[in-house]
Structure formats: structure tokens, C-alpha cells
Amino acid sequence: QALPLDRRFFLGGVGSLRGYDFKEFQGNRYSLMNIDYYWEFSEDFVVALFTDLGQAGFSKKQFANGGLKTDLGIGLKLFDAVRLDIAQRLDDTGKKPVVTGRIETTF
């Protein structure tokens, strides 16, 4: 597409579709929903069950025909700073689950 990179939306990976490859989908329009359900065992240990739904495309037709991508996963949050997720995409369960980690700090 002729659209500059800074005008595109990317989906896939941490913070979007966690069961898909990083920036696997792109377009000039997108929809995204992340749903997380948390069980807090202590202040320092939280378990999350999550699902992500989203799609991206460059035209209305491509967006409508691209199909909604979904995943399902589980995450662990430790010491309110470290998050580890494992997510499986639901459109191709033959692919390996994606494992991601991130560290959050407050400035």
C-alpha cells in the first residue's frame, strides 16, 4: 500500500492479538477487543485468563472479508511488574502458542 508506515495500524503481539506474530496484520482501519479476567492470589501473584479479538485492513472490502482473528490464553503477573503470557491463535491451532513477557515500571 502507498500509505506511510506511521499512518498504518498494526495488530499482532503484545498488547493486541497476543496469539499472533508481532505486527502480523496491518491496515488503515482496525478493530480490537482484549478481555482479561483476573484471579488475585496475593498482591504479588495474579493469574489472568484472556481472549483477544481483532482485524485490520486497507479497504472496507478487505476489512469486511479479512475475518475476525481470535486467540485464547493465560497470563501470570508477578510483583506488579512482570507479566508472562501464553496465547494460542484459534484460526490455526496447528501453529505453536506464542509466549511473551514484559516488564512494567512506574516513573
N, C-alpha and C. Protein backbone atom coordinates (compact mmCIF):
# COMPACT_ATOMS: atom_id res chain seq x y z
N GLN A 1 0.83 -1.19 0.00
CA GLN A 1 0.00 0.00 0.00
C GLN A 1 0.87 1.25 0.00
N ALA A 2 0.34 2.35 -0.49
CA ALA A 2 1.07 3.60 -0.59
C ALA A 2 1.02 4.40 0.71
N LEU A 3 0.32 3.92 1.69
CA LEU A 3 0.16 4.60 2.96
C LEU A 3 1.47 4.54 3.75
N PRO A 4 1.97 5.69 4.27
CA PRO A 4 3.21 5.67 5.05
C PRO A 4 3.06 4.80 6.30
N LEU A 5 4.15 4.23 6.77
CA LEU A 5 4.12 3.34 7.93
C LEU A 5 3.52 4.00 9.17
N ASP A 6 3.78 5.29 9.37
CA ASP A 6 3.27 5.95 10.57
C ASP A 6 1.77 6.22 10.51
N ARG A 7 1.13 5.91 9.38
CA ARG A 7 -0.33 6.07 9.23
C ARG A 7 -1.05 4.72 9.24
N ARG A 8 -0.31 3.63 9.45
CA ARG A 8 -0.89 2.30 9.46
C ARG A 8 -1.12 1.81 10.89
N PHE A 9 -2.10 0.95 11.03
CA PHE A 9 -2.33 0.28 12.30
C PHE A 9 -1.82 -1.15 12.17
N PHE A 10 -1.18 -1.64 13.21
CA PHE A 10 -0.63 -3.00 13.21
C PHE A 10 -1.25 -3.79 14.35
N LEU A 11 -1.61 -5.02 14.07
CA LEU A 11 -2.13 -5.92 15.09
C LEU A 11 -1.30 -7.19 15.11
N GLY A 12 -1.12 -7.73 16.30
CA GLY A 12 -0.36 -8.96 16.49
C GLY A 12 0.72 -8.71 17.53
N GLY A 13 0.80 -9.61 18.50
CA GLY A 13 1.83 -9.49 19.53
C GLY A 13 1.32 -8.83 20.80
N VAL A 14 2.25 -8.45 21.64
CA VAL A 14 1.95 -7.87 22.95
C VAL A 14 1.02 -6.67 22.81
N GLY A 15 -0.02 -6.65 23.63
CA GLY A 15 -0.93 -5.51 23.66
C GLY A 15 -2.02 -5.52 22.60
N SER A 16 -2.00 -6.50 21.69
CA SER A 16 -3.08 -6.55 20.70
C SER A 16 -3.58 -7.98 20.57
N LEU A 17 -3.20 -8.67 19.52
CA LEU A 17 -3.59 -10.07 19.34
C LEU A 17 -2.42 -10.93 19.82
N ARG A 18 -2.44 -11.31 21.08
CA ARG A 18 -1.28 -11.94 21.73
C ARG A 18 -0.95 -13.33 21.21
N GLY A 19 -1.86 -14.00 20.52
CA GLY A 19 -1.60 -15.33 19.98
C GLY A 19 -1.04 -15.31 18.57
N TYR A 20 -0.80 -14.13 18.02
CA TYR A 20 -0.33 -13.98 16.64
C TYR A 20 1.06 -13.37 16.63
N ASP A 21 1.72 -13.48 15.49
CA ASP A 21 3.06 -12.91 15.33
C ASP A 21 3.00 -11.39 15.44
N PHE A 22 4.10 -10.80 15.86
CA PHE A 22 4.22 -9.36 16.03
C PHE A 22 3.94 -8.65 14.71
N LYS A 23 2.97 -7.70 14.73
CA LYS A 23 2.58 -6.92 13.56
C LYS A 23 2.19 -7.78 12.37
N GLU A 24 1.51 -8.89 12.63
CA GLU A 24 1.12 -9.81 11.55
C GLU A 24 0.07 -9.20 10.62
N PHE A 25 -0.78 -8.31 11.13
CA PHE A 25 -1.84 -7.69 10.34
C PHE A 25 -1.67 -6.18 10.33
N GLN A 26 -2.04 -5.55 9.22
CA GLN A 26 -1.93 -4.09 9.13
C GLN A 26 -3.03 -3.53 8.25
N GLY A 27 -3.26 -2.24 8.41
CA GLY A 27 -4.27 -1.57 7.60
C GLY A 27 -4.44 -0.13 8.03
N ASN A 28 -5.35 0.56 7.35
CA ASN A 28 -5.64 1.95 7.73
C ASN A 28 -6.90 2.01 8.59
N ARG A 29 -7.44 0.83 8.93
CA ARG A 29 -8.58 0.73 9.86
C ARG A 29 -8.41 -0.58 10.63
N TYR A 30 -8.93 -0.58 11.85
CA TYR A 30 -8.83 -1.80 12.65
C TYR A 30 -9.91 -1.81 13.72
N SER A 31 -10.17 -2.98 14.25
CA SER A 31 -10.99 -3.13 15.45
C SER A 31 -10.24 -4.09 16.36
N LEU A 32 -10.34 -3.86 17.66
CA LEU A 32 -9.61 -4.68 18.62
C LEU A 32 -10.35 -4.70 19.94
N MET A 33 -10.45 -5.88 20.53
CA MET A 33 -11.01 -6.01 21.87
C MET A 33 -10.17 -7.02 22.63
N ASN A 34 -9.72 -6.63 23.83
CA ASN A 34 -8.98 -7.51 24.73
C ASN A 34 -9.84 -7.71 25.98
N ILE A 35 -10.06 -8.95 26.34
CA ILE A 35 -10.83 -9.26 27.54
C ILE A 35 -9.94 -10.09 28.46
N ASP A 36 -9.70 -9.60 29.67
CA ASP A 36 -8.89 -10.30 30.67
C ASP A 36 -9.73 -10.51 31.92
N TYR A 37 -9.66 -11.71 32.49
CA TYR A 37 -10.30 -11.99 33.77
C TYR A 37 -9.20 -12.38 34.75
N TYR A 38 -9.12 -11.66 35.89
CA TYR A 38 -8.02 -11.83 36.82
C TYR A 38 -8.43 -12.56 38.09
N TRP A 39 -7.54 -13.42 38.58
CA TRP A 39 -7.65 -14.01 39.91
C TRP A 39 -6.44 -13.54 40.69
N GLU A 40 -6.67 -12.77 41.74
CA GLU A 40 -5.59 -12.23 42.55
C GLU A 40 -5.40 -13.14 43.77
N PHE A 41 -4.30 -13.90 43.75
CA PHE A 41 -4.00 -14.80 44.86
C PHE A 41 -3.29 -14.08 45.99
N SER A 42 -2.52 -13.07 45.63
CA SER A 42 -1.87 -12.19 46.60
C SER A 42 -1.52 -10.91 45.86
N GLU A 43 -0.97 -9.96 46.57
CA GLU A 43 -0.55 -8.71 45.92
C GLU A 43 0.54 -8.95 44.89
N ASP A 44 1.29 -10.03 45.09
CA ASP A 44 2.44 -10.30 44.23
C ASP A 44 2.21 -11.40 43.20
N PHE A 45 1.01 -12.01 43.19
CA PHE A 45 0.78 -13.11 42.27
C PHE A 45 -0.66 -13.07 41.75
N VAL A 46 -0.79 -12.84 40.43
CA VAL A 46 -2.10 -12.73 39.78
C VAL A 46 -2.09 -13.63 38.54
N VAL A 47 -3.18 -14.36 38.34
CA VAL A 47 -3.36 -15.19 37.15
C VAL A 47 -4.48 -14.58 36.31
N ALA A 48 -4.29 -14.56 35.00
CA ALA A 48 -5.30 -13.99 34.10
C ALA A 48 -5.65 -15.00 33.01
N LEU A 49 -6.93 -15.08 32.70
CA LEU A 49 -7.41 -15.80 31.54
C LEU A 49 -7.85 -14.72 30.56
N PHE A 50 -7.44 -14.82 29.29
CA PHE A 50 -7.76 -13.74 28.36
C PHE A 50 -8.11 -14.25 26.98
N THR A 51 -8.79 -13.38 26.25
CA THR A 51 -9.05 -13.59 24.83
C THR A 51 -8.92 -12.24 24.13
N ASP A 52 -8.49 -12.29 22.89
CA ASP A 52 -8.34 -11.09 22.07
C ASP A 52 -9.10 -11.32 20.77
N LEU A 53 -9.75 -10.28 20.28
CA LEU A 53 -10.47 -10.33 19.01
C LEU A 53 -10.09 -9.09 18.22
N GLY A 54 -9.78 -9.25 16.95
CA GLY A 54 -9.43 -8.07 16.16
C GLY A 54 -9.27 -8.37 14.69
N GLN A 55 -9.20 -7.30 13.92
CA GLN A 55 -8.97 -7.39 12.49
C GLN A 55 -8.44 -6.04 12.00
N ALA A 56 -7.76 -6.09 10.85
CA ALA A 56 -7.23 -4.88 10.23
C ALA A 56 -7.32 -5.03 8.72
N GLY A 57 -7.41 -3.90 8.04
CA GLY A 57 -7.48 -3.93 6.58
C GLY A 57 -7.30 -2.55 5.99
N PHE A 58 -7.05 -2.50 4.68
CA PHE A 58 -6.83 -1.23 3.99
C PHE A 58 -8.08 -0.68 3.31
N SER A 59 -9.05 -1.52 3.01
CA SER A 59 -10.28 -1.06 2.37
C SER A 59 -11.46 -1.64 3.14
N LYS A 60 -12.63 -1.08 2.91
CA LYS A 60 -13.83 -1.61 3.58
C LYS A 60 -14.03 -3.08 3.21
N LYS A 61 -13.79 -3.41 1.94
CA LYS A 61 -13.98 -4.78 1.49
C LYS A 61 -12.95 -5.71 2.13
N GLN A 62 -11.68 -5.31 2.12
CA GLN A 62 -10.64 -6.13 2.72
C GLN A 62 -10.89 -6.28 4.22
N PHE A 63 -11.32 -5.21 4.86
CA PHE A 63 -11.61 -5.24 6.29
C PHE A 63 -12.76 -6.20 6.57
N ALA A 64 -13.83 -6.11 5.78
CA ALA A 64 -15.01 -6.96 5.98
C ALA A 64 -14.71 -8.43 5.67
N ASN A 65 -13.88 -8.69 4.66
CA ASN A 65 -13.58 -10.06 4.24
C ASN A 65 -12.40 -10.67 4.97
N GLY A 66 -11.65 -9.86 5.72
CA GLY A 66 -10.46 -10.36 6.40
C GLY A 66 -10.78 -11.31 7.54
N GLY A 67 -11.96 -11.18 8.10
CA GLY A 67 -12.36 -12.07 9.18
C GLY A 67 -11.78 -11.64 10.52
N LEU A 68 -12.54 -11.88 11.53
CA LEU A 68 -12.13 -11.56 12.89
C LEU A 68 -11.12 -12.60 13.36
N LYS A 69 -9.97 -12.17 13.84
CA LYS A 69 -8.94 -13.06 14.37
C LYS A 69 -9.10 -13.14 15.88
N THR A 70 -8.99 -14.34 16.43
CA THR A 70 -9.18 -14.52 17.87
C THR A 70 -8.09 -15.40 18.45
N ASP A 71 -7.86 -15.22 19.73
CA ASP A 71 -6.93 -16.08 20.46
C ASP A 71 -7.44 -16.27 21.88
N LEU A 72 -6.81 -17.20 22.56
CA LEU A 72 -7.16 -17.52 23.94
C LEU A 72 -5.87 -17.80 24.68
N GLY A 73 -5.76 -17.32 25.93
CA GLY A 73 -4.52 -17.55 26.64
C GLY A 73 -4.62 -17.38 28.14
N ILE A 74 -3.48 -17.59 28.77
CA ILE A 74 -3.36 -17.44 30.21
C ILE A 74 -2.11 -16.61 30.50
N GLY A 75 -2.20 -15.79 31.53
CA GLY A 75 -1.08 -14.93 31.88
C GLY A 75 -0.80 -14.97 33.37
N LEU A 76 0.43 -14.66 33.72
CA LEU A 76 0.86 -14.56 35.12
C LEU A 76 1.45 -13.18 35.34
N LYS A 77 1.03 -12.52 36.40
CA LYS A 77 1.60 -11.23 36.75
C LYS A 77 2.27 -11.38 38.11
N LEU A 78 3.55 -11.04 38.15
CA LEU A 78 4.34 -11.22 39.36
C LEU A 78 4.85 -9.88 39.86
N PHE A 79 4.69 -9.64 41.15
CA PHE A 79 5.21 -8.44 41.82
C PHE A 79 4.77 -7.14 41.16
N ASP A 80 3.60 -7.15 40.54
CA ASP A 80 3.03 -5.97 39.90
C ASP A 80 3.96 -5.35 38.86
N ALA A 81 4.91 -6.15 38.34
CA ALA A 81 5.86 -5.60 37.38
C ALA A 81 6.13 -6.52 36.20
N VAL A 82 6.08 -7.82 36.40
CA VAL A 82 6.43 -8.78 35.35
C VAL A 82 5.16 -9.49 34.88
N ARG A 83 4.95 -9.53 33.58
CA ARG A 83 3.78 -10.22 33.02
C ARG A 83 4.29 -11.24 32.01
N LEU A 84 3.87 -12.50 32.16
CA LEU A 84 4.17 -13.57 31.22
C LEU A 84 2.86 -14.10 30.66
N ASP A 85 2.75 -14.20 29.33
CA ASP A 85 1.54 -14.67 28.67
C ASP A 85 1.87 -15.82 27.73
N ILE A 86 0.94 -16.75 27.63
CA ILE A 86 0.99 -17.78 26.59
C ILE A 86 -0.38 -17.77 25.93
N ALA A 87 -0.39 -17.63 24.59
CA ALA A 87 -1.64 -17.48 23.85
C ALA A 87 -1.64 -18.35 22.61
N GLN A 88 -2.80 -18.91 22.30
CA GLN A 88 -2.97 -19.75 21.12
C GLN A 88 -3.98 -19.09 20.18
N ARG A 89 -3.56 -18.90 18.93
CA ARG A 89 -4.49 -18.39 17.94
C ARG A 89 -5.53 -19.47 17.66
N LEU A 90 -6.76 -19.05 17.38
CA LEU A 90 -7.85 -20.01 17.20
C LEU A 90 -8.18 -20.31 15.75
N ASP A 91 -7.60 -19.56 14.80
CA ASP A 91 -7.87 -19.84 13.39
C ASP A 91 -6.96 -20.92 12.83
N ASP A 92 -5.85 -21.21 13.49
CA ASP A 92 -4.92 -22.25 13.05
C ASP A 92 -4.27 -22.85 14.29
N THR A 93 -4.96 -23.78 14.92
CA THR A 93 -4.45 -24.36 16.17
C THR A 93 -3.25 -25.27 15.96
N GLY A 94 -2.88 -25.51 14.70
CA GLY A 94 -1.68 -26.28 14.41
C GLY A 94 -0.40 -25.49 14.65
N LYS A 95 -0.51 -24.17 14.70
CA LYS A 95 0.66 -23.32 14.98
C LYS A 95 0.94 -23.33 16.47
N LYS A 96 2.20 -23.17 16.82
CA LYS A 96 2.60 -23.18 18.23
C LYS A 96 2.06 -21.96 18.96
N PRO A 97 1.77 -22.10 20.24
CA PRO A 97 1.36 -20.94 21.05
C PRO A 97 2.49 -19.90 21.11
N VAL A 98 2.09 -18.66 21.31
CA VAL A 98 3.06 -17.56 21.40
C VAL A 98 3.26 -17.23 22.88
N VAL A 99 4.52 -17.19 23.30
CA VAL A 99 4.87 -16.84 24.68
C VAL A 99 5.50 -15.45 24.67
N THR A 100 4.98 -14.56 25.49
CA THR A 100 5.54 -13.21 25.56
C THR A 100 5.73 -12.81 27.02
N GLY A 101 6.63 -11.90 27.23
CA GLY A 101 6.88 -11.35 28.56
C GLY A 101 7.11 -9.86 28.46
N ARG A 102 6.77 -9.17 29.52
CA ARG A 102 7.03 -7.74 29.57
C ARG A 102 7.25 -7.31 31.01
N ILE A 103 8.01 -6.26 31.14
CA ILE A 103 8.30 -5.69 32.45
C ILE A 103 7.74 -4.28 32.47
N GLU A 104 6.98 -3.97 33.50
CA GLU A 104 6.39 -2.64 33.63
C GLU A 104 7.03 -1.93 34.81
N THR A 105 7.36 -0.69 34.61
CA THR A 105 7.90 0.12 35.70
C THR A 105 7.18 1.45 35.76
N THR A 106 7.11 2.03 36.92
CA THR A 106 6.49 3.34 37.09
C THR A 106 7.61 4.37 37.23
N PHE A 107 7.47 5.47 36.51
CA PHE A 107 8.47 6.53 36.57
C PHE A 107 7.97 7.68 37.42
